[in-house]
Amino acid sequence: MTREALFAYLAIVGMITITPGPDTALVVRNAMRQGWGAGVRTGLGSAAGLLLWGLAAGAGISAVLAASAIAFTVLKLAGAAYLGYLGARMLWRSWRSKESKESAADAPPVPAPASSPALFRQGLTTNLLNPKAAAFFTALLPQFVTAHDGTAIPVIIGLTLIAATANLTGQFAFAITAHHTARLVGHRRFEKILDRLVGSVLLGLGLKIATGDRP
């Protein structure tokens, strides 16, 4: 891999990192609700999803996905359904919270915070079912791998580690920013608005993925 190709790859990874996606929406939401640590744990799951996609590329699994329209469609619809489920659940929670407040004199009970494994699974599942993550490792990544023998696998793994590290670094920054923003505005007051905003974004992204063409 030439130096120019590496710099081009780093530039593309940097642009992808700072562009918000479904995993970023979940990181921001969890960080504002449960603190920056919750956002980082979600980000760890997101980065792990990218690592698994990289391993799939190295093993040739992603090439099968790229060649199969049926497999890609299944992945696309599964990802859209998962984002729709998360978005609908957030909207339903915010609506129930409003109804509870109107029907009871006391404040509604605060939902139990999600556990670390649950936060990790959210980030992991979001990227594993993200067709754009699949497209990155099936269409874009091979363009930067010039070798076609056994030496290509270490290169793919190295480039995957770069993408996963950049993803985690970006999610960490988003989590810290979201946490401090929540402290400034008062996260308890902002929770319903946050759930409705992020829930609507996830529903919109799910619909976009479900109706989008294959990259």
N, C-alpha and C. Protein backbone atom coordinates (compact mmCIF):
# COMPACT_ATOMS: atom_id res chain seq x y z
N MET A 1 0.85 -1.19 0.00
CA MET A 1 0.00 0.00 0.00
C MET A 1 0.89 1.24 0.00
N THR A 2 0.66 2.13 -0.95
CA THR A 2 1.49 3.33 -1.07
C THR A 2 1.11 4.36 -0.01
N ARG A 3 2.01 5.30 0.20
CA ARG A 3 1.75 6.36 1.17
C ARG A 3 0.56 7.20 0.74
N GLU A 4 0.47 7.48 -0.55
CA GLU A 4 -0.66 8.28 -1.06
C GLU A 4 -1.99 7.57 -0.81
N ALA A 5 -2.02 6.25 -1.03
CA ALA A 5 -3.24 5.49 -0.80
C ALA A 5 -3.61 5.50 0.68
N LEU A 6 -2.59 5.39 1.55
CA LEU A 6 -2.86 5.41 2.99
C LEU A 6 -3.45 6.75 3.41
N PHE A 7 -2.89 7.84 2.92
CA PHE A 7 -3.41 9.16 3.25
C PHE A 7 -4.84 9.33 2.75
N ALA A 8 -5.12 8.82 1.55
CA ALA A 8 -6.47 8.90 1.02
C ALA A 8 -7.43 8.09 1.89
N TYR A 9 -6.98 6.92 2.32
CA TYR A 9 -7.82 6.08 3.19
C TYR A 9 -8.09 6.78 4.51
N LEU A 10 -7.06 7.38 5.10
CA LEU A 10 -7.23 8.09 6.37
C LEU A 10 -8.20 9.26 6.22
N ALA A 11 -8.13 9.94 5.07
CA ALA A 11 -9.04 11.06 4.85
C ALA A 11 -10.49 10.58 4.77
N ILE A 12 -10.71 9.47 4.07
CA ILE A 12 -12.07 8.92 3.95
C ILE A 12 -12.58 8.46 5.31
N VAL A 13 -11.72 7.76 6.08
CA VAL A 13 -12.12 7.30 7.41
C VAL A 13 -12.44 8.49 8.31
N GLY A 14 -11.64 9.56 8.20
CA GLY A 14 -11.91 10.75 9.00
C GLY A 14 -13.25 11.38 8.67
N MET A 15 -13.59 11.44 7.39
CA MET A 15 -14.88 12.00 6.99
C MET A 15 -16.03 11.14 7.50
N ILE A 16 -15.87 9.82 7.41
CA ILE A 16 -16.92 8.92 7.90
C ILE A 16 -17.08 9.06 9.41
N THR A 17 -15.95 9.24 10.11
CA THR A 17 -15.98 9.32 11.58
C THR A 17 -16.77 10.53 12.06
N ILE A 18 -16.59 11.67 11.40
CA ILE A 18 -17.25 12.89 11.86
C ILE A 18 -18.66 13.03 11.31
N THR A 19 -19.06 12.11 10.42
CA THR A 19 -20.42 12.14 9.88
C THR A 19 -21.33 11.30 10.76
N PRO A 20 -22.33 11.90 11.42
CA PRO A 20 -23.19 11.12 12.32
C PRO A 20 -23.96 10.05 11.60
N GLY A 21 -24.10 8.89 12.25
CA GLY A 21 -24.89 7.78 11.73
C GLY A 21 -25.76 7.20 12.83
N PRO A 22 -26.36 6.06 12.60
CA PRO A 22 -27.20 5.44 13.64
C PRO A 22 -26.45 5.16 14.93
N ASP A 23 -25.19 4.70 14.82
CA ASP A 23 -24.43 4.42 16.03
C ASP A 23 -24.14 5.70 16.81
N THR A 24 -23.88 6.80 16.10
CA THR A 24 -23.64 8.08 16.76
C THR A 24 -24.89 8.56 17.48
N ALA A 25 -26.05 8.40 16.86
CA ALA A 25 -27.31 8.80 17.50
C ALA A 25 -27.51 8.05 18.81
N LEU A 26 -27.20 6.76 18.83
CA LEU A 26 -27.34 5.97 20.05
C LEU A 26 -26.32 6.39 21.09
N VAL A 27 -25.09 6.66 20.67
CA VAL A 27 -24.05 7.09 21.61
C VAL A 27 -24.46 8.39 22.29
N VAL A 28 -24.93 9.35 21.51
CA VAL A 28 -25.33 10.65 22.05
C VAL A 28 -26.51 10.49 23.00
N ARG A 29 -27.48 9.72 22.60
CA ARG A 29 -28.66 9.51 23.44
C ARG A 29 -28.30 8.84 24.76
N ASN A 30 -27.50 7.78 24.71
CA ASN A 30 -27.14 7.06 25.94
C ASN A 30 -26.24 7.90 26.84
N ALA A 31 -25.36 8.69 26.23
CA ALA A 31 -24.49 9.55 27.03
C ALA A 31 -25.28 10.64 27.73
N MET A 32 -26.29 11.17 27.08
CA MET A 32 -27.09 12.24 27.69
C MET A 32 -28.01 11.68 28.78
N ARG A 33 -28.41 10.43 28.64
CA ARG A 33 -29.30 9.83 29.64
C ARG A 33 -28.56 9.23 30.82
N GLN A 34 -27.40 8.60 30.56
CA GLN A 34 -26.72 7.83 31.60
C GLN A 34 -25.28 8.24 31.84
N GLY A 35 -24.81 9.28 31.19
CA GLY A 35 -23.44 9.72 31.40
C GLY A 35 -22.53 9.29 30.25
N TRP A 36 -21.33 9.90 30.22
CA TRP A 36 -20.44 9.65 29.10
C TRP A 36 -19.97 8.19 29.05
N GLY A 37 -19.89 7.52 30.20
CA GLY A 37 -19.47 6.13 30.22
C GLY A 37 -20.42 5.24 29.44
N ALA A 38 -21.72 5.52 29.53
CA ALA A 38 -22.70 4.75 28.77
C ALA A 38 -22.51 4.97 27.28
N GLY A 39 -22.21 6.21 26.89
CA GLY A 39 -21.96 6.48 25.49
C GLY A 39 -20.71 5.77 24.99
N VAL A 40 -19.66 5.73 25.82
CA VAL A 40 -18.43 5.04 25.42
C VAL A 40 -18.67 3.55 25.27
N ARG A 41 -19.45 2.96 26.17
CA ARG A 41 -19.72 1.52 26.06
C ARG A 41 -20.52 1.21 24.80
N THR A 42 -21.42 2.11 24.42
CA THR A 42 -22.13 1.95 23.15
C THR A 42 -21.15 2.07 21.99
N GLY A 43 -20.22 3.03 22.10
CA GLY A 43 -19.21 3.20 21.06
C GLY A 43 -18.29 2.00 20.94
N LEU A 44 -17.98 1.35 22.06
CA LEU A 44 -17.16 0.14 22.01
C LEU A 44 -17.86 -0.96 21.20
N GLY A 45 -19.16 -1.09 21.38
CA GLY A 45 -19.92 -2.05 20.59
C GLY A 45 -19.89 -1.69 19.11
N SER A 46 -19.99 -0.39 18.82
CA SER A 46 -19.95 0.07 17.43
C SER A 46 -18.61 -0.27 16.78
N ALA A 47 -17.52 -0.01 17.51
CA ALA A 47 -16.19 -0.32 16.99
C ALA A 47 -16.00 -1.82 16.82
N ALA A 48 -16.54 -2.61 17.76
CA ALA A 48 -16.45 -4.07 17.64
C ALA A 48 -17.17 -4.56 16.39
N GLY A 49 -18.29 -3.92 16.06
CA GLY A 49 -19.00 -4.28 14.84
C GLY A 49 -18.15 -4.06 13.60
N LEU A 50 -17.41 -2.96 13.58
CA LEU A 50 -16.52 -2.71 12.45
C LEU A 50 -15.40 -3.74 12.39
N LEU A 51 -14.87 -4.12 13.55
CA LEU A 51 -13.83 -5.14 13.58
C LEU A 51 -14.33 -6.46 13.01
N LEU A 52 -15.54 -6.82 13.36
CA LEU A 52 -16.10 -8.07 12.84
C LEU A 52 -16.30 -7.99 11.33
N TRP A 53 -16.71 -6.83 10.83
CA TRP A 53 -16.84 -6.67 9.39
C TRP A 53 -15.48 -6.80 8.71
N GLY A 54 -14.43 -6.25 9.36
CA GLY A 54 -13.10 -6.38 8.81
C GLY A 54 -12.62 -7.82 8.76
N LEU A 55 -12.91 -8.57 9.82
CA LEU A 55 -12.57 -10.00 9.82
C LEU A 55 -13.33 -10.74 8.73
N ALA A 56 -14.60 -10.33 8.53
CA ALA A 56 -15.38 -10.96 7.46
C ALA A 56 -14.78 -10.66 6.10
N ALA A 57 -14.25 -9.44 5.94
CA ALA A 57 -13.59 -9.09 4.67
C ALA A 57 -12.35 -9.94 4.47
N GLY A 58 -11.58 -10.12 5.54
CA GLY A 58 -10.38 -10.93 5.45
C GLY A 58 -10.69 -12.38 5.14
N ALA A 59 -11.80 -12.88 5.66
CA ALA A 59 -12.18 -14.28 5.43
C ALA A 59 -12.92 -14.48 4.12
N GLY A 60 -13.24 -13.40 3.43
CA GLY A 60 -13.95 -13.51 2.17
C GLY A 60 -15.45 -13.54 2.30
N ILE A 61 -15.95 -13.43 3.53
CA ILE A 61 -17.40 -13.48 3.73
C ILE A 61 -18.08 -12.25 3.12
N SER A 62 -17.43 -11.10 3.28
CA SER A 62 -18.03 -9.87 2.75
C SER A 62 -18.09 -9.90 1.22
N ALA A 63 -17.16 -10.63 0.59
CA ALA A 63 -17.22 -10.75 -0.87
C ALA A 63 -18.46 -11.51 -1.31
N VAL A 64 -18.83 -12.52 -0.53
CA VAL A 64 -20.07 -13.26 -0.82
C VAL A 64 -21.27 -12.34 -0.69
N LEU A 65 -21.25 -11.50 0.36
CA LEU A 65 -22.35 -10.56 0.56
C LEU A 65 -22.43 -9.58 -0.60
N ALA A 66 -21.26 -9.12 -1.06
CA ALA A 66 -21.24 -8.15 -2.16
C ALA A 66 -21.79 -8.76 -3.45
N ALA A 67 -21.56 -10.06 -3.63
CA ALA A 67 -21.99 -10.71 -4.86
C ALA A 67 -23.44 -11.17 -4.83
N SER A 68 -24.02 -11.24 -3.63
CA SER A 68 -25.37 -11.76 -3.50
C SER A 68 -26.36 -10.64 -3.22
N ALA A 69 -27.24 -10.39 -4.17
CA ALA A 69 -28.25 -9.35 -3.97
C ALA A 69 -29.23 -9.76 -2.87
N ILE A 70 -29.53 -11.05 -2.77
CA ILE A 70 -30.46 -11.52 -1.75
C ILE A 70 -29.88 -11.31 -0.36
N ALA A 71 -28.60 -11.68 -0.18
CA ALA A 71 -27.97 -11.52 1.13
C ALA A 71 -27.91 -10.06 1.53
N PHE A 72 -27.58 -9.19 0.57
CA PHE A 72 -27.52 -7.76 0.89
C PHE A 72 -28.90 -7.22 1.25
N THR A 73 -29.93 -7.67 0.53
CA THR A 73 -31.29 -7.21 0.82
C THR A 73 -31.73 -7.66 2.22
N VAL A 74 -31.40 -8.89 2.58
CA VAL A 74 -31.74 -9.39 3.91
C VAL A 74 -31.06 -8.54 4.98
N LEU A 75 -29.76 -8.25 4.77
CA LEU A 75 -29.03 -7.41 5.73
C LEU A 75 -29.65 -6.03 5.80
N LYS A 76 -30.00 -5.47 4.65
CA LYS A 76 -30.58 -4.13 4.61
C LYS A 76 -31.90 -4.07 5.37
N LEU A 77 -32.77 -5.04 5.13
CA LEU A 77 -34.07 -5.04 5.80
C LEU A 77 -33.95 -5.33 7.29
N ALA A 78 -33.00 -6.20 7.66
CA ALA A 78 -32.79 -6.48 9.08
C ALA A 78 -32.28 -5.24 9.79
N GLY A 79 -31.36 -4.52 9.16
CA GLY A 79 -30.86 -3.29 9.76
C GLY A 79 -31.93 -2.23 9.88
N ALA A 80 -32.75 -2.09 8.85
CA ALA A 80 -33.85 -1.12 8.87
C ALA A 80 -34.85 -1.47 9.97
N ALA A 81 -35.15 -2.78 10.11
CA ALA A 81 -36.10 -3.20 11.14
C ALA A 81 -35.56 -2.93 12.53
N TYR A 82 -34.26 -3.16 12.73
CA TYR A 82 -33.67 -2.93 14.05
C TYR A 82 -33.69 -1.44 14.41
N LEU A 83 -33.33 -0.59 13.46
CA LEU A 83 -33.37 0.84 13.72
C LEU A 83 -34.81 1.30 13.96
N GLY A 84 -35.75 0.75 13.19
CA GLY A 84 -37.15 1.09 13.41
C GLY A 84 -37.63 0.68 14.78
N TYR A 85 -37.19 -0.50 15.23
CA TYR A 85 -37.56 -0.98 16.57
C TYR A 85 -37.02 -0.05 17.64
N LEU A 86 -35.74 0.32 17.53
CA LEU A 86 -35.16 1.22 18.54
C LEU A 86 -35.86 2.57 18.54
N GLY A 87 -36.10 3.11 17.33
CA GLY A 87 -36.76 4.41 17.25
C GLY A 87 -38.18 4.38 17.79
N ALA A 88 -38.94 3.35 17.44
CA ALA A 88 -40.32 3.25 17.92
C ALA A 88 -40.36 3.08 19.44
N ARG A 89 -39.40 2.32 19.99
CA ARG A 89 -39.37 2.12 21.44
C ARG A 89 -39.08 3.43 22.16
N MET A 90 -38.18 4.25 21.61
CA MET A 90 -37.89 5.55 22.22
C MET A 90 -39.10 6.47 22.18
N LEU A 91 -39.78 6.50 21.03
CA LEU A 91 -40.97 7.34 20.91
C LEU A 91 -42.07 6.87 21.86
N TRP A 92 -42.26 5.56 21.97
CA TRP A 92 -43.27 5.02 22.86
C TRP A 92 -42.95 5.34 24.32
N ARG A 93 -41.66 5.27 24.69
CA ARG A 93 -41.27 5.58 26.07
C ARG A 93 -41.55 7.04 26.39
N SER A 94 -41.25 7.94 25.45
CA SER A 94 -41.49 9.36 25.70
C SER A 94 -42.98 9.64 25.79
N TRP A 95 -43.79 8.93 24.99
CA TRP A 95 -45.24 9.14 25.04
C TRP A 95 -45.82 8.61 26.34
N ARG A 96 -45.37 7.44 26.79
CA ARG A 96 -45.85 6.88 28.05
C ARG A 96 -45.45 7.76 29.22
N SER A 97 -44.26 8.35 29.13
CA SER A 97 -43.82 9.24 30.19
C SER A 97 -44.73 10.45 30.29
N LYS A 98 -45.16 10.96 29.14
CA LYS A 98 -46.08 12.11 29.14
C LYS A 98 -47.42 11.73 29.72
N GLU A 99 -47.95 10.55 29.35
CA GLU A 99 -49.24 10.11 29.87
C GLU A 99 -49.18 9.87 31.37
N SER A 100 -48.08 9.31 31.84
CA SER A 100 -47.94 9.05 33.28
C SER A 100 -47.93 10.35 34.06
N LYS A 101 -47.26 11.36 33.49
CA LYS A 101 -47.18 12.64 34.18
C LYS A 101 -48.53 13.33 34.25
N GLU A 102 -49.34 13.14 33.19
CA GLU A 102 -50.65 13.79 33.17
C GLU A 102 -51.65 13.06 34.06
N SER A 103 -51.47 11.76 34.27
CA SER A 103 -52.45 10.98 35.02
C SER A 103 -52.08 10.78 36.48
N ALA A 104 -50.90 11.21 36.88
CA ALA A 104 -50.46 11.02 38.27
C ALA A 104 -49.94 12.32 38.81
N ALA A 105 -50.15 12.51 40.10
CA ALA A 105 -49.65 13.73 40.74
C ALA A 105 -48.15 13.67 40.92
N ASP A 106 -47.62 12.51 41.20
CA ASP A 106 -46.18 12.35 41.37
C ASP A 106 -45.51 12.22 40.02
N ALA A 107 -44.20 12.46 40.03
CA ALA A 107 -43.43 12.32 38.79
C ALA A 107 -43.37 10.85 38.40
N PRO A 108 -43.34 10.54 37.12
CA PRO A 108 -43.27 9.15 36.67
C PRO A 108 -41.97 8.51 37.10
N PRO A 109 -41.97 7.22 37.34
CA PRO A 109 -40.75 6.57 37.75
C PRO A 109 -39.69 6.63 36.67
N VAL A 110 -38.44 6.82 37.10
CA VAL A 110 -37.34 6.90 36.17
C VAL A 110 -36.98 5.50 35.70
N PRO A 111 -36.91 5.25 34.38
CA PRO A 111 -36.58 3.91 33.90
C PRO A 111 -35.20 3.49 34.37
N ALA A 112 -35.05 2.20 34.64
CA ALA A 112 -33.75 1.69 35.06
C ALA A 112 -32.75 1.87 33.94
N PRO A 113 -31.52 2.30 34.28
CA PRO A 113 -30.53 2.49 33.24
C PRO A 113 -30.15 1.18 32.58
N ALA A 114 -29.82 1.26 31.31
CA ALA A 114 -29.41 0.06 30.58
C ALA A 114 -28.07 -0.44 31.11
N SER A 115 -27.91 -1.74 31.15
CA SER A 115 -26.67 -2.34 31.65
C SER A 115 -25.56 -2.18 30.61
N SER A 116 -24.32 -2.38 31.07
CA SER A 116 -23.18 -2.28 30.15
C SER A 116 -23.29 -3.25 28.98
N PRO A 117 -23.64 -4.54 29.22
CA PRO A 117 -23.80 -5.45 28.08
C PRO A 117 -24.87 -4.99 27.10
N ALA A 118 -25.98 -4.42 27.62
CA ALA A 118 -27.06 -3.96 26.74
C ALA A 118 -26.59 -2.78 25.89
N LEU A 119 -25.84 -1.87 26.50
CA LEU A 119 -25.31 -0.73 25.75
C LEU A 119 -24.34 -1.20 24.67
N PHE A 120 -23.47 -2.13 25.03
CA PHE A 120 -22.52 -2.68 24.07
C PHE A 120 -23.25 -3.36 22.91
N ARG A 121 -24.30 -4.13 23.23
CA ARG A 121 -25.04 -4.84 22.20
C ARG A 121 -25.73 -3.87 21.25
N GLN A 122 -26.22 -2.74 21.78
CA GLN A 122 -26.85 -1.75 20.91
C GLN A 122 -25.87 -1.27 19.84
N GLY A 123 -24.68 -0.87 20.28
CA GLY A 123 -23.69 -0.39 19.32
C GLY A 123 -23.25 -1.47 18.37
N LEU A 124 -23.04 -2.69 18.90
CA LEU A 124 -22.59 -3.81 18.07
C LEU A 124 -23.62 -4.16 17.00
N THR A 125 -24.87 -4.33 17.43
CA THR A 125 -25.92 -4.73 16.49
C THR A 125 -26.17 -3.67 15.44
N THR A 126 -26.10 -2.40 15.86
CA THR A 126 -26.35 -1.31 14.91
C THR A 126 -25.35 -1.34 13.76
N ASN A 127 -24.08 -1.61 14.05
CA ASN A 127 -23.08 -1.64 12.97
C ASN A 127 -23.07 -2.96 12.22
N LEU A 128 -23.36 -4.05 12.91
CA LEU A 128 -23.41 -5.33 12.20
C LEU A 128 -24.54 -5.37 11.19
N LEU A 129 -25.63 -4.65 11.48
CA LEU A 129 -26.78 -4.63 10.57
C LEU A 129 -26.83 -3.37 9.71
N ASN A 130 -25.72 -2.65 9.68
CA ASN A 130 -25.67 -1.41 8.91
C ASN A 130 -25.15 -1.70 7.49
N PRO A 131 -25.98 -1.57 6.46
CA PRO A 131 -25.52 -1.85 5.10
C PRO A 131 -24.36 -0.96 4.67
N LYS A 132 -24.27 0.26 5.23
CA LYS A 132 -23.18 1.15 4.86
C LYS A 132 -21.85 0.62 5.39
N ALA A 133 -21.88 0.03 6.59
CA ALA A 133 -20.66 -0.60 7.11
C ALA A 133 -20.27 -1.78 6.23
N ALA A 134 -21.27 -2.54 5.80
CA ALA A 134 -21.00 -3.67 4.90
C ALA A 134 -20.42 -3.18 3.58
N ALA A 135 -20.99 -2.10 3.04
CA ALA A 135 -20.51 -1.57 1.76
C ALA A 135 -19.07 -1.06 1.88
N PHE A 136 -18.74 -0.49 3.04
CA PHE A 136 -17.38 0.02 3.24
C PHE A 136 -16.36 -1.10 3.09
N PHE A 137 -16.65 -2.25 3.69
CA PHE A 137 -15.68 -3.34 3.68
C PHE A 137 -15.78 -4.22 2.43
N THR A 138 -16.86 -4.09 1.68
CA THR A 138 -16.99 -4.90 0.47
C THR A 138 -16.66 -4.13 -0.79
N ALA A 139 -16.84 -2.82 -0.76
CA ALA A 139 -16.63 -2.01 -1.95
C ALA A 139 -15.45 -1.06 -1.83
N LEU A 140 -15.35 -0.32 -0.73
CA LEU A 140 -14.32 0.70 -0.60
C LEU A 140 -12.98 0.13 -0.16
N LEU A 141 -12.98 -0.69 0.88
CA LEU A 141 -11.72 -1.19 1.44
C LEU A 141 -10.86 -1.94 0.42
N PRO A 142 -11.45 -2.83 -0.40
CA PRO A 142 -10.60 -3.56 -1.36
C PRO A 142 -9.84 -2.65 -2.33
N GLN A 143 -10.30 -1.43 -2.54
CA GLN A 143 -9.62 -0.52 -3.45
C GLN A 143 -8.26 -0.09 -2.92
N PHE A 144 -8.06 -0.23 -1.61
CA PHE A 144 -6.79 0.17 -1.00
C PHE A 144 -5.88 -1.02 -0.73
N VAL A 145 -6.31 -2.21 -1.13
CA VAL A 145 -5.50 -3.41 -0.94
C VAL A 145 -4.99 -3.84 -2.30
N THR A 146 -3.68 -3.66 -2.52
CA THR A 146 -3.10 -3.97 -3.83
C THR A 146 -2.69 -5.44 -3.94
N ALA A 147 -2.40 -6.10 -2.80
CA ALA A 147 -1.98 -7.50 -2.84
C ALA A 147 -3.21 -8.39 -2.99
N HIS A 148 -3.03 -9.53 -3.63
CA HIS A 148 -4.13 -10.46 -3.85
C HIS A 148 -3.78 -11.87 -3.36
N ASP A 149 -2.75 -11.97 -2.55
CA ASP A 149 -2.38 -13.28 -2.00
C ASP A 149 -2.59 -13.25 -0.50
N GLY A 150 -1.89 -14.11 0.22
CA GLY A 150 -2.07 -14.17 1.67
C GLY A 150 -1.67 -12.92 2.39
N THR A 151 -0.85 -12.06 1.76
CA THR A 151 -0.43 -10.83 2.42
C THR A 151 -1.53 -9.78 2.46
N ALA A 152 -2.61 -10.00 1.73
CA ALA A 152 -3.70 -9.02 1.73
C ALA A 152 -4.45 -9.03 3.05
N ILE A 153 -4.52 -10.19 3.69
CA ILE A 153 -5.30 -10.29 4.93
C ILE A 153 -4.74 -9.40 6.04
N PRO A 154 -3.41 -9.41 6.30
CA PRO A 154 -2.89 -8.49 7.32
C PRO A 154 -3.15 -7.02 6.98
N VAL A 155 -3.11 -6.68 5.68
CA VAL A 155 -3.39 -5.30 5.29
C VAL A 155 -4.84 -4.94 5.59
N ILE A 156 -5.74 -5.85 5.26
CA ILE A 156 -7.17 -5.62 5.54
C ILE A 156 -7.41 -5.46 7.04
N ILE A 157 -6.78 -6.32 7.83
CA ILE A 157 -6.94 -6.24 9.28
C ILE A 157 -6.39 -4.92 9.81
N GLY A 158 -5.22 -4.50 9.29
CA GLY A 158 -4.64 -3.23 9.72
C GLY A 158 -5.53 -2.05 9.39
N LEU A 159 -6.07 -2.04 8.17
CA LEU A 159 -6.97 -0.95 7.78
C LEU A 159 -8.26 -0.98 8.59
N THR A 160 -8.70 -2.19 8.93
CA THR A 160 -9.91 -2.31 9.76
C THR A 160 -9.65 -1.75 11.15
N LEU A 161 -8.48 -2.04 11.71
CA LEU A 161 -8.14 -1.51 13.04
C LEU A 161 -8.10 0.01 13.02
N ILE A 162 -7.61 0.57 11.92
CA ILE A 162 -7.59 2.03 11.80
C ILE A 162 -9.02 2.58 11.81
N ALA A 163 -9.90 1.95 11.03
CA ALA A 163 -11.29 2.41 10.96
C ALA A 163 -11.99 2.26 12.30
N ALA A 164 -11.76 1.12 12.99
CA ALA A 164 -12.41 0.90 14.28
C ALA A 164 -11.89 1.87 15.33
N THR A 165 -10.58 2.14 15.33
CA THR A 165 -10.00 3.08 16.28
C THR A 165 -10.53 4.49 16.05
N ALA A 166 -10.61 4.89 14.78
CA ALA A 166 -11.16 6.21 14.46
C ALA A 166 -12.62 6.30 14.89
N ASN A 167 -13.37 5.23 14.65
CA ASN A 167 -14.77 5.21 15.05
C ASN A 167 -14.92 5.37 16.56
N LEU A 168 -14.12 4.62 17.32
CA LEU A 168 -14.20 4.69 18.78
C LEU A 168 -13.78 6.06 19.28
N THR A 169 -12.74 6.64 18.67
CA THR A 169 -12.29 7.97 19.08
C THR A 169 -13.38 9.00 18.83
N GLY A 170 -14.01 8.92 17.67
CA GLY A 170 -15.10 9.84 17.37
C GLY A 170 -16.28 9.67 18.30
N GLN A 171 -16.65 8.42 18.60
CA GLN A 171 -17.77 8.17 19.50
C GLN A 171 -17.45 8.65 20.92
N PHE A 172 -16.20 8.51 21.32
CA PHE A 172 -15.79 9.02 22.64
C PHE A 172 -15.99 10.53 22.70
N ALA A 173 -15.58 11.23 21.64
CA ALA A 173 -15.76 12.68 21.60
C ALA A 173 -17.24 13.05 21.62
N PHE A 174 -18.05 12.33 20.85
CA PHE A 174 -19.50 12.59 20.86
C PHE A 174 -20.09 12.34 22.24
N ALA A 175 -19.63 11.27 22.92
CA ALA A 175 -20.16 10.94 24.24
C ALA A 175 -19.83 12.01 25.26
N ILE A 176 -18.59 12.48 25.27
CA ILE A 176 -18.18 13.53 26.20
C ILE A 176 -18.97 14.81 25.95
N THR A 177 -19.09 15.19 24.68
CA THR A 177 -19.82 16.41 24.34
C THR A 177 -21.29 16.31 24.75
N ALA A 178 -21.91 15.14 24.47
CA ALA A 178 -23.32 14.94 24.83
C ALA A 178 -23.51 14.97 26.33
N HIS A 179 -22.59 14.37 27.08
CA HIS A 179 -22.69 14.33 28.54
C HIS A 179 -22.65 15.74 29.12
N HIS A 180 -21.71 16.56 28.67
CA HIS A 180 -21.59 17.92 29.21
C HIS A 180 -22.77 18.78 28.76
N THR A 181 -23.28 18.54 27.56
CA THR A 181 -24.46 19.27 27.11
C THR A 181 -25.66 18.95 27.99
N ALA A 182 -25.81 17.66 28.34
CA ALA A 182 -26.93 17.25 29.18
C ALA A 182 -26.83 17.89 30.56
N ARG A 183 -25.62 18.01 31.09
CA ARG A 183 -25.45 18.64 32.40
C ARG A 183 -25.82 20.11 32.36
N LEU A 184 -25.58 20.76 31.23
CA LEU A 184 -25.89 22.18 31.12
C LEU A 184 -27.39 22.42 31.01
N VAL A 185 -28.08 21.60 30.22
CA VAL A 185 -29.51 21.83 29.98
C VAL A 185 -30.39 21.10 30.98
N GLY A 186 -29.83 20.16 31.74
CA GLY A 186 -30.63 19.38 32.67
C GLY A 186 -31.21 18.17 31.99
N HIS A 187 -30.56 17.02 32.10
CA HIS A 187 -30.95 15.86 31.30
C HIS A 187 -32.33 15.32 31.65
N ARG A 188 -32.78 15.48 32.91
CA ARG A 188 -34.11 14.98 33.25
C ARG A 188 -35.19 15.73 32.47
N ARG A 189 -35.00 17.03 32.31
CA ARG A 189 -35.96 17.84 31.59
C ARG A 189 -35.88 17.58 30.08
N PHE A 190 -34.72 17.16 29.65
CA PHE A 190 -34.46 17.00 28.23
C PHE A 190 -34.73 15.59 27.73
N GLU A 191 -35.00 14.65 28.64
CA GLU A 191 -35.09 13.24 28.27
C GLU A 191 -36.17 12.96 27.24
N LYS A 192 -37.37 13.48 27.45
CA LYS A 192 -38.46 13.20 26.52
C LYS A 192 -38.17 13.78 25.13
N ILE A 193 -37.64 15.01 25.12
CA ILE A 193 -37.30 15.63 23.84
C ILE A 193 -36.21 14.82 23.14
N LEU A 194 -35.24 14.36 23.92
CA LEU A 194 -34.14 13.57 23.36
C LEU A 194 -34.65 12.26 22.77
N ASP A 195 -35.52 11.57 23.52
CA ASP A 195 -36.06 10.31 23.02
C ASP A 195 -36.85 10.52 21.73
N ARG A 196 -37.63 11.59 21.68
CA ARG A 196 -38.42 11.86 20.49
C ARG A 196 -37.53 12.24 19.30
N LEU A 197 -36.50 13.02 19.57
CA LEU A 197 -35.60 13.43 18.49
C LEU A 197 -34.82 12.24 17.95
N VAL A 198 -34.15 11.50 18.85
CA VAL A 198 -33.34 10.37 18.41
C VAL A 198 -34.23 9.27 17.83
N GLY A 199 -35.39 9.04 18.46
CA GLY A 199 -36.31 8.04 17.95
C GLY A 199 -36.76 8.36 16.54
N SER A 200 -37.07 9.63 16.28
CA SER A 200 -37.48 10.03 14.93
C SER A 200 -36.34 9.88 13.94
N VAL A 201 -35.12 10.23 14.38
CA VAL A 201 -33.95 10.09 13.50
C VAL A 201 -33.73 8.62 13.14
N LEU A 202 -33.82 7.73 14.12
CA LEU A 202 -33.61 6.31 13.86
C LEU A 202 -34.69 5.74 12.94
N LEU A 203 -35.93 6.16 13.16
CA LEU A 203 -37.00 5.73 12.26
C LEU A 203 -36.75 6.21 10.83
N GLY A 204 -36.31 7.47 10.71
CA GLY A 204 -36.02 8.00 9.39
C GLY A 204 -34.86 7.28 8.71
N LEU A 205 -33.81 6.98 9.49
CA LEU A 205 -32.68 6.25 8.93
C LEU A 205 -33.08 4.83 8.53
N GLY A 206 -33.91 4.20 9.37
CA GLY A 206 -34.39 2.86 9.03
C GLY A 206 -35.18 2.87 7.74
N LEU A 207 -36.05 3.86 7.56
CA LEU A 207 -36.83 3.97 6.33
C LEU A 207 -35.93 4.24 5.12
N LYS A 208 -34.91 5.07 5.32
CA LYS A 208 -33.99 5.39 4.24
C LYS A 208 -33.21 4.14 3.82
N ILE A 209 -32.78 3.36 4.81
CA ILE A 209 -32.04 2.15 4.50
C ILE A 209 -32.94 1.14 3.77
N ALA A 210 -34.18 1.01 4.26
CA ALA A 210 -35.09 0.01 3.67
C ALA A 210 -35.44 0.34 2.23
N THR A 211 -35.52 1.62 1.91
CA THR A 211 -35.93 2.03 0.55
C THR A 211 -34.76 2.41 -0.34
N GLY A 212 -33.54 2.40 0.22
CA GLY A 212 -32.38 2.81 -0.55
C GLY A 212 -31.90 1.74 -1.51
N ASP A 213 -31.20 2.16 -2.53
CA ASP A 213 -30.64 1.23 -3.50
C ASP A 213 -29.32 0.67 -2.98
N ARG A 214 -28.92 -0.40 -3.56
CA ARG A 214 -27.64 -1.02 -3.19
C ARG A 214 -26.50 -0.14 -3.64
N PRO A 215 -25.50 0.15 -2.71
CA PRO A 215 -24.40 1.03 -3.10
C PRO A 215 -23.49 0.35 -4.11
